Protein backbone atom coordinates (compact mmCIF):
# COMPACT_ATOMS: atom_id res chain seq x y z
CA MET A 1 -24.82 15.69 1.41
CA ARG A 2 -25.43 14.56 -2.09
CA VAL A 3 -22.27 14.42 -4.19
CA ILE A 4 -21.86 14.05 -8.10
CA THR A 5 -18.44 13.27 -9.77
CA GLY A 6 -17.12 11.50 -12.84
CA VAL A 7 -14.37 11.21 -15.59
CA ASP A 8 -14.57 11.56 -19.14
CA LEU A 9 -12.88 8.04 -19.44
CA PRO A 10 -14.35 4.65 -20.28
CA PRO A 11 -14.42 2.39 -17.06
CA ASP A 12 -11.55 0.06 -18.06
CA SER A 13 -9.27 2.74 -18.64
CA PRO A 14 -5.79 2.43 -17.04
CA GLY A 15 -4.56 4.92 -14.45
CA GLY A 16 -4.56 5.94 -10.79
CA SER A 17 -7.30 8.42 -11.16
CA VAL A 18 -9.79 5.89 -12.53
CA GLU A 19 -8.49 3.21 -9.63
CA LEU A 20 -9.01 5.91 -6.81
CA LEU A 21 -12.60 6.72 -8.46
CA ARG A 22 -13.56 3.08 -8.18
CA ASP A 23 -12.12 2.90 -4.64
CA LEU A 24 -13.74 5.94 -3.37
CA TYR A 25 -17.12 5.98 -4.85
CA LEU A 26 -17.77 2.61 -6.63
CA GLY A 27 -15.92 0.01 -4.41
CA PRO A 28 -17.05 -2.34 -1.56
CA GLY A 29 -18.93 -0.28 0.81
CA ARG A 30 -18.88 2.81 -1.01
CA PRO A 31 -16.86 5.11 1.22
CA ILE A 32 -18.37 8.13 -0.38
CA GLU A 33 -22.04 7.81 -1.41
CA ALA A 34 -22.08 9.73 -5.03
CA ASP A 35 -23.68 9.84 -8.54
CA VAL A 36 -20.69 8.84 -10.73
CA PHE A 37 -20.43 9.19 -14.67
CA MET A 38 -18.05 8.05 -17.27
CA LEU A 39 -17.69 7.69 -20.98
CA GLY A 40 -19.41 4.74 -22.79
CA ASP A 41 -22.45 3.40 -24.65
CA SER A 42 -25.41 4.98 -22.84
CA GLY A 43 -26.76 2.99 -20.00
CA GLY A 44 -25.42 1.57 -16.89
CA ALA A 45 -26.02 2.85 -13.37
CA ASP A 46 -23.08 2.65 -11.40
CA PRO A 47 -21.23 4.37 -12.95
CA ALA A 48 -23.71 6.02 -15.51
CA LEU A 49 -22.26 5.79 -19.03
CA LEU A 50 -22.70 8.69 -21.07
CA ASP A 51 -22.21 8.28 -24.87
CA VAL A 52 -20.54 11.57 -25.86
CA LYS A 53 -18.22 11.94 -28.90
CA GLY A 54 -15.59 14.14 -29.85
CA LYS A 55 -13.22 13.98 -26.97
CA CYS A 56 -9.91 15.98 -27.73
CA LEU A 57 -7.38 18.21 -25.98
CA ASP A 58 -7.26 21.71 -27.65
CA GLY A 59 -9.12 24.39 -29.29
CA PRO A 60 -12.62 25.32 -30.14
CA ASP A 61 -13.60 21.56 -30.50
CA PHE A 62 -12.58 20.79 -27.00
CA TRP A 63 -15.06 23.47 -25.85
CA ARG A 64 -17.71 22.00 -28.07
CA TYR A 65 -16.97 18.38 -26.54
CA VAL A 66 -17.55 20.18 -22.99
CA ASP A 67 -20.94 21.48 -23.82
CA ASP A 68 -22.17 18.27 -25.13
CA LEU A 69 -20.84 16.39 -22.07
CA ALA A 70 -22.43 19.06 -19.95
CA GLY A 71 -25.81 18.63 -21.59
CA ALA A 72 -25.36 14.64 -21.27
CA VAL A 73 -24.78 15.05 -17.32
CA ARG A 74 -27.77 17.15 -16.81
CA ARG A 75 -30.14 15.06 -18.87
CA ARG A 76 -29.01 11.92 -17.02
CA PHE A 77 -29.11 13.33 -13.65
CA GLY A 78 -31.94 15.71 -14.06
CA PRO A 79 -32.59 18.34 -11.11
CA ALA A 80 -31.10 16.15 -8.42
CA GLU A 81 -30.01 18.64 -5.56
CA HIS A 82 -26.39 17.65 -5.46
CA GLY A 83 -24.65 19.61 -2.53
CA VAL A 84 -21.27 19.40 -3.73
CA LEU A 85 -19.18 18.51 -7.00
CA HIS A 86 -16.33 16.22 -6.68
CA LEU A 87 -14.37 17.59 -9.48
CA GLN A 88 -11.57 14.59 -10.28
CA HIS A 89 -9.23 16.61 -12.07
CA LEU A 90 -8.25 20.22 -12.67
CA ALA A 91 -7.79 19.07 -16.60
CA PHE A 92 -9.84 17.31 -19.29
CA GLY A 93 -13.42 17.22 -19.89
CA ALA A 94 -15.60 16.03 -16.94
CA THR A 95 -14.37 19.02 -14.59
CA PRO A 96 -15.52 21.94 -17.00
CA ALA A 97 -18.48 19.96 -17.75
CA LEU A 98 -19.87 19.55 -14.30
CA LEU A 99 -19.02 23.37 -13.63
CA ARG A 100 -21.34 24.10 -16.51
CA ALA A 101 -23.90 21.65 -15.88
CA PHE A 102 -24.37 22.54 -12.21
CA PRO A 103 -23.18 26.30 -11.79
CA GLY A 104 -23.00 27.84 -8.61
CA ARG A 105 -22.44 24.47 -6.59
CA PRO A 106 -19.71 24.31 -4.27
CA GLY A 107 -16.81 22.05 -5.79
CA LEU A 108 -13.81 20.11 -4.28
CA ALA A 109 -11.24 19.30 -6.60
CA LEU A 110 -8.73 16.56 -6.58
CA VAL A 111 -5.69 17.07 -8.47
CA HIS A 112 -3.84 14.20 -10.36
CA GLY A 113 -0.35 14.21 -11.97
CA THR A 114 -1.65 14.01 -15.45
CA ASP A 115 -3.56 17.54 -14.87
CA LEU A 116 -0.59 19.36 -14.36
CA LEU A 117 1.45 17.53 -16.85
CA PHE A 118 -1.44 18.30 -19.54
CA ALA A 119 -1.63 21.83 -18.64
CA VAL A 120 1.98 22.51 -19.11
CA ASP A 121 1.87 20.63 -22.59
CA HIS A 122 -1.58 21.78 -23.79
CA PRO A 123 -2.76 25.59 -23.97
CA THR A 124 -6.33 24.60 -23.71
CA GLN A 125 -5.94 22.39 -20.55
CA GLY A 126 -3.92 25.06 -18.96
CA GLU A 127 -7.08 27.14 -19.33
CA VAL A 128 -9.08 24.62 -18.00
CA LEU A 129 -6.94 24.00 -14.87
CA ARG A 130 -7.11 27.86 -14.20
CA GLU A 131 -10.67 28.16 -14.59
CA ALA A 132 -11.37 25.19 -12.42
CA ALA A 133 -8.88 26.13 -9.72
CA ALA A 134 -10.48 29.62 -9.59
CA ALA A 135 -14.15 27.86 -9.43
CA ALA A 136 -13.24 25.29 -6.65
CA HIS A 137 -14.04 26.20 -3.31
CA ALA A 138 -11.20 23.85 -1.94
CA ILE A 139 -8.53 21.76 -3.93
CA VAL A 140 -6.98 18.66 -2.57
CA VAL A 141 -3.53 17.64 -3.31
CA PRO A 142 -2.16 14.14 -2.36
CA THR A 143 1.47 15.39 -1.92
CA LEU A 144 2.78 18.81 -1.09
CA ALA A 145 5.05 18.67 -4.34
CA MET A 146 1.75 18.81 -6.32
CA ALA A 147 0.79 22.03 -4.44
CA ASP A 148 3.98 23.81 -5.43
CA VAL A 149 3.32 22.94 -9.16
CA LEU A 150 -0.15 24.10 -8.94
CA HIS A 151 0.41 27.38 -7.60
CA GLY A 152 2.94 27.99 -10.41
CA LEU A 153 0.42 27.01 -12.85
CA ALA A 154 -2.53 29.17 -11.53
CA PRO A 155 -1.13 32.05 -9.51
CA GLY A 156 -3.70 33.87 -7.42
CA ALA A 157 -6.42 31.46 -8.68
CA VAL A 158 -6.37 29.02 -5.79
CA ARG A 159 -8.59 29.85 -2.93
CA ARG A 160 -7.77 26.79 -0.53
CA VAL A 161 -5.48 24.00 -0.87
CA GLU A 162 -5.77 20.89 1.45
CA HIS A 163 -3.19 18.06 1.40
CA VAL A 164 -5.04 14.63 1.73
CA PRO A 165 -2.89 11.52 0.68
CA TRP A 166 -4.47 9.06 -1.39
CA GLY A 167 -5.13 5.69 0.09
CA VAL A 168 -5.12 2.03 -0.51
CA PRO A 169 -8.10 -0.22 0.34
CA ASP A 170 -8.05 -0.93 4.19
CA HIS A 171 -8.89 -4.76 3.28
CA LEU A 172 -5.46 -4.92 1.28
CA LEU A 173 -3.55 -3.68 4.35
CA ALA A 174 -5.47 -5.97 6.58
CA ALA A 175 -5.08 -9.11 4.69
CA PRO A 176 -2.60 -8.77 1.72
CA PRO A 177 -1.73 -12.11 -0.40
CA GLU A 178 0.63 -14.49 0.99
CA ARG A 179 3.96 -14.04 -0.69
CA GLU A 180 5.34 -16.52 -2.73
CA PRO A 181 9.12 -17.63 -1.93
CA ALA A 182 11.73 -16.30 -4.28
CA GLU A 183 13.92 -18.68 -6.42
CA PRO A 184 17.73 -18.64 -5.32
CA GLY A 185 19.66 -16.45 -7.48
CA LEU A 186 16.76 -15.11 -9.78
CA PRO A 187 15.51 -11.77 -8.83
CA ARG A 188 12.00 -11.23 -10.05
CA LEU A 189 11.69 -7.47 -11.36
CA LEU A 190 8.28 -5.83 -12.14
CA TYR A 191 7.24 -2.89 -13.68
CA ALA A 192 3.44 -2.21 -13.55
CA GLY A 193 1.50 0.85 -15.20
CA ARG A 194 1.23 2.79 -18.35
CA LEU A 195 4.09 2.85 -20.87
CA THR A 196 3.69 6.58 -21.58
CA ALA A 197 6.90 8.82 -21.95
CA GLU A 198 6.92 10.29 -18.62
CA LYS A 199 6.85 6.75 -16.91
CA GLY A 200 10.51 6.30 -18.15
CA VAL A 201 9.90 2.97 -19.04
CA GLU A 202 11.13 2.40 -22.51
CA ALA A 203 14.78 2.40 -21.66
CA LEU A 204 14.21 0.47 -18.46
CA ILE A 205 12.52 -2.28 -19.71
CA VAL A 206 14.91 -2.62 -22.71
CA ASP A 207 18.19 -2.40 -20.32
CA GLY A 208 16.30 -4.53 -17.95
CA ALA A 209 15.60 -7.36 -20.18
CA ARG A 210 19.61 -7.39 -20.74
CA LEU A 211 20.44 -7.91 -17.15
CA GLU A 212 21.78 -11.27 -16.65
CA GLY A 213 20.27 -13.63 -13.91
CA VAL A 214 17.09 -11.70 -13.51
CA SER A 215 13.45 -12.14 -14.48
CA VAL A 216 11.76 -8.94 -15.86
CA SER A 217 7.89 -8.79 -15.89
CA VAL A 218 5.76 -5.87 -17.23
CA ALA A 219 1.90 -5.53 -16.52
CA ALA A 220 0.88 -2.91 -19.04
CA PRO A 221 -2.06 -1.79 -21.35
CA ALA A 222 -1.85 -4.03 -24.50
CA ALA A 223 -1.67 -1.45 -27.13
CA GLN A 224 0.93 0.28 -25.39
CA TYR A 225 3.11 -2.94 -24.99
CA ALA A 226 2.58 -3.79 -28.74
CA ALA A 227 3.88 -0.36 -29.68
CA LEU A 228 6.90 -0.92 -27.49
CA ARG A 229 7.51 -4.41 -28.83
CA ASP A 230 7.22 -2.79 -32.56
CA ARG A 231 10.41 -0.78 -31.59
CA HIS A 232 12.54 -3.17 -29.46
CA ASP A 233 13.37 -6.83 -29.07
CA LEU A 234 11.58 -7.87 -25.66
CA SER A 235 12.21 -11.60 -26.06
CA GLY A 236 13.58 -11.48 -22.61
CA VAL A 237 10.54 -9.78 -21.15
CA ARG A 238 7.49 -11.56 -19.59
CA TYR A 239 4.32 -9.54 -20.60
CA LEU A 240 1.58 -10.14 -18.08
CA GLY A 241 -1.25 -8.12 -19.63
CA TRP A 242 -3.27 -5.43 -18.07
CA LEU A 243 -4.32 -6.69 -14.66
CA SER A 244 -7.16 -6.30 -12.36
CA ARG A 245 -6.46 -4.92 -9.03
CA PRO A 246 -6.81 -8.26 -7.24
CA ALA A 247 -4.65 -9.86 -9.95
CA LEU A 248 -1.98 -7.29 -9.67
CA TRP A 249 -1.76 -7.52 -6.00
CA ARG A 250 -1.24 -11.54 -6.40
CA THR A 251 1.45 -10.36 -8.66
CA PHE A 252 3.03 -8.36 -6.55
CA ALA A 253 3.41 -11.39 -4.08
CA ARG A 254 5.18 -13.37 -6.84
CA HIS A 255 7.94 -10.75 -7.36
CA ASP A 256 11.32 -9.51 -5.56
CA LEU A 257 11.33 -5.69 -6.75
CA LEU A 258 9.02 -3.40 -8.17
CA LEU A 259 10.69 -0.64 -10.47
CA VAL A 260 9.01 2.95 -10.73
CA PRO A 261 11.43 4.92 -13.02
CA SER A 262 8.98 7.89 -13.57
CA THR A 263 11.06 11.08 -14.99
CA ARG A 264 8.46 13.81 -13.85
CA LEU A 265 6.32 14.72 -11.05
CA GLU A 266 4.21 11.94 -9.73
CA ALA A 267 0.99 12.88 -7.96
CA PHE A 268 1.29 10.14 -5.11
CA GLY A 269 2.32 6.53 -6.57
CA LEU A 270 -0.57 4.43 -5.81
CA VAL A 271 0.81 1.25 -7.53
CA ALA A 272 4.06 1.47 -5.45
CA VAL A 273 2.36 2.00 -1.96
CA GLU A 274 -0.06 -1.04 -2.87
CA ALA A 275 3.25 -2.91 -3.86
CA GLN A 276 4.54 -2.22 -0.51
CA ALA A 277 1.25 -3.24 1.44
CA CYS A 278 1.65 -6.63 -0.41
CA GLY A 279 5.52 -6.86 0.91
CA LEU A 280 7.06 -5.86 -2.53
CA PRO A 281 10.11 -3.70 -1.85
CA VAL A 282 10.34 -0.82 -4.50
CA LEU A 283 13.11 0.89 -6.37
CA TYR A 284 12.08 4.24 -7.62
CA GLN A 285 13.56 7.51 -9.38
CA PRO A 286 13.48 10.37 -6.92
CA VAL A 287 11.19 12.66 -8.39
CA PRO A 288 8.84 14.94 -6.71
CA GLY A 289 5.81 13.03 -5.16
CA LEU A 290 7.49 9.83 -5.02
CA THR A 291 10.30 11.01 -2.75
CA GLU A 292 7.64 12.53 -0.38
CA VAL A 293 5.44 9.52 -0.25
CA LEU A 294 7.99 6.67 -0.32
CA GLY A 295 11.19 8.31 1.32
CA ASP A 296 13.59 5.80 2.71
CA SER A 297 10.72 2.92 2.90
CA ALA A 298 12.11 2.41 -0.80
CA VAL A 299 15.45 2.59 -2.59
CA ALA A 300 15.88 5.67 -4.53
CA VAL A 301 17.93 4.73 -7.88
CA ASP A 302 19.07 6.87 -10.88
CA PHE A 303 17.38 5.07 -13.64
CA THR A 304 19.38 7.34 -16.04
CA ASP A 305 22.56 5.75 -15.08
CA PRO A 306 22.83 2.45 -17.02
CA SER A 307 24.70 1.01 -14.10
CA GLY A 308 22.36 2.14 -11.25
CA LEU A 309 19.71 -0.56 -11.74
CA ALA A 310 22.19 -3.35 -12.03
CA ASN A 311 24.53 -2.33 -9.25
CA THR A 312 21.30 -1.86 -6.81
CA VAL A 313 19.73 -5.33 -8.04
CA ALA A 314 23.24 -7.13 -7.33
CA TRP A 315 23.27 -5.64 -3.77
CA LEU A 316 19.93 -6.69 -2.86
CA ARG A 317 20.70 -10.27 -4.43
CA ARG A 318 23.65 -10.60 -2.22
CA ASP A 319 21.90 -9.07 0.77
CA GLU A 320 18.71 -10.96 1.99
CA ALA A 321 18.58 -9.04 5.14
CA ALA A 322 18.33 -5.51 3.34
CA LEU A 323 15.59 -7.34 1.41
CA ALA A 324 13.65 -8.13 4.51
CA ASP A 325 14.25 -4.68 5.97
CA LEU A 326 12.89 -3.16 2.94
CA ARG A 327 9.78 -5.29 2.99
CA ALA A 328 8.96 -4.31 6.65
CA ALA A 329 9.88 -0.88 6.10
CA GLY A 330 7.36 -0.82 2.87
CA ARG A 331 4.58 -2.34 4.98
CA ARG A 332 4.89 0.40 7.52
CA ASN A 333 4.81 2.86 5.04
CA ALA A 334 1.67 1.52 3.37
CA ALA A 335 -0.13 1.59 6.70
CA ARG A 336 0.12 5.28 6.85
CA PHE A 337 -2.17 5.40 3.88
CA ALA A 338 -5.42 3.91 4.59
CA LEU A 339 -8.32 4.45 2.12
CA SER A 340 -10.93 5.02 5.09
CA ARG A 341 -8.80 7.96 6.10
CA THR A 342 -8.75 9.52 2.78
CA ALA A 343 -12.52 9.17 2.39
CA ALA A 344 -13.07 10.56 5.87
CA GLU A 345 -11.03 13.63 5.16
CA LEU A 346 -12.91 14.27 1.75
CA ALA A 347 -16.22 13.76 3.55
CA ARG A 348 -15.09 16.24 6.40
CA LEU A 349 -14.06 18.84 3.32
CA SER A 350 -17.06 18.35 1.58
CA ALA A 351 -19.66 19.23 4.58
CA ALA A 352 -17.33 22.08 5.31
CA ILE A 353 -17.61 23.81 1.88
CA GLU A 354 -21.27 22.75 1.48
CA GLY A 355 -22.10 24.49 4.69
CA GLY A 356 -19.68 27.41 4.17
CA PRO A 357 -20.18 30.82 2.89
């Protein structure tokens, strides 16, 4: 079975969909063998970089961009007999480009939270989602909450939905970084991820920086953090930069709590599960997706209540046994989500749709 896949993002883009692409198709051992493309100056082999301009979200310019991307994919990969298309999103440019570059090939679609959010907020992306949902032979959702939203956005268009949770690298589960002991009385709080509106970060960082007796760190894209710093006094926040995965795992081992204040549906919460694998307890806003993946292995907090975070941190500061229980529960939860299991399920589904009617 020969697979082709890609995303229309540069290789250094932040986000869970890029990390999952790297883990599944480009990581150590290459769990799934595939031809992979991303955007960038023409060149590269793994992934292939396509120099296609004009990326946008709406209107006729978007479809012109898709046609240009489809042409670049065809030229780069030629007449290779790809048995299955792995469609990494139900929105954006790479999926409709693959469907145009290789018409008639069976497609396995992997849904991410941004697909559903952008399909709601951008009419053209809603069209892309419905087209892709109808074309895909099977659609993989990492949480059942995603399936509910998908059926609402593309009623009657979905042929087959499969629930396959995302996974964290097996080597992280087997050998997480050694935890560094906490300083007495000084909880080390961490936020790691993008600083976009749906992540609910702005008020969190500002309020968190005002908490007495805590250390607040942020690992986020530099441009997004600079924009936030232009709006607020963040002198009480320690900015860590945008970290590589191994560096982020080591950072998890140097903190006491991960904060996940998302305000809307989360596809899975890969960062939170990786933190749990590293023994870092998680405080999270109970939104769809996160409640399904984390449940009572983490602490649900209403981050919209200004006192909620302060009270929870104060409780965990006093109760080291509760913190230890959370570490153990988090590790058990993370062990349910091995990347090898995700890859095996995707391979099984790919073989089934390739050999199907």
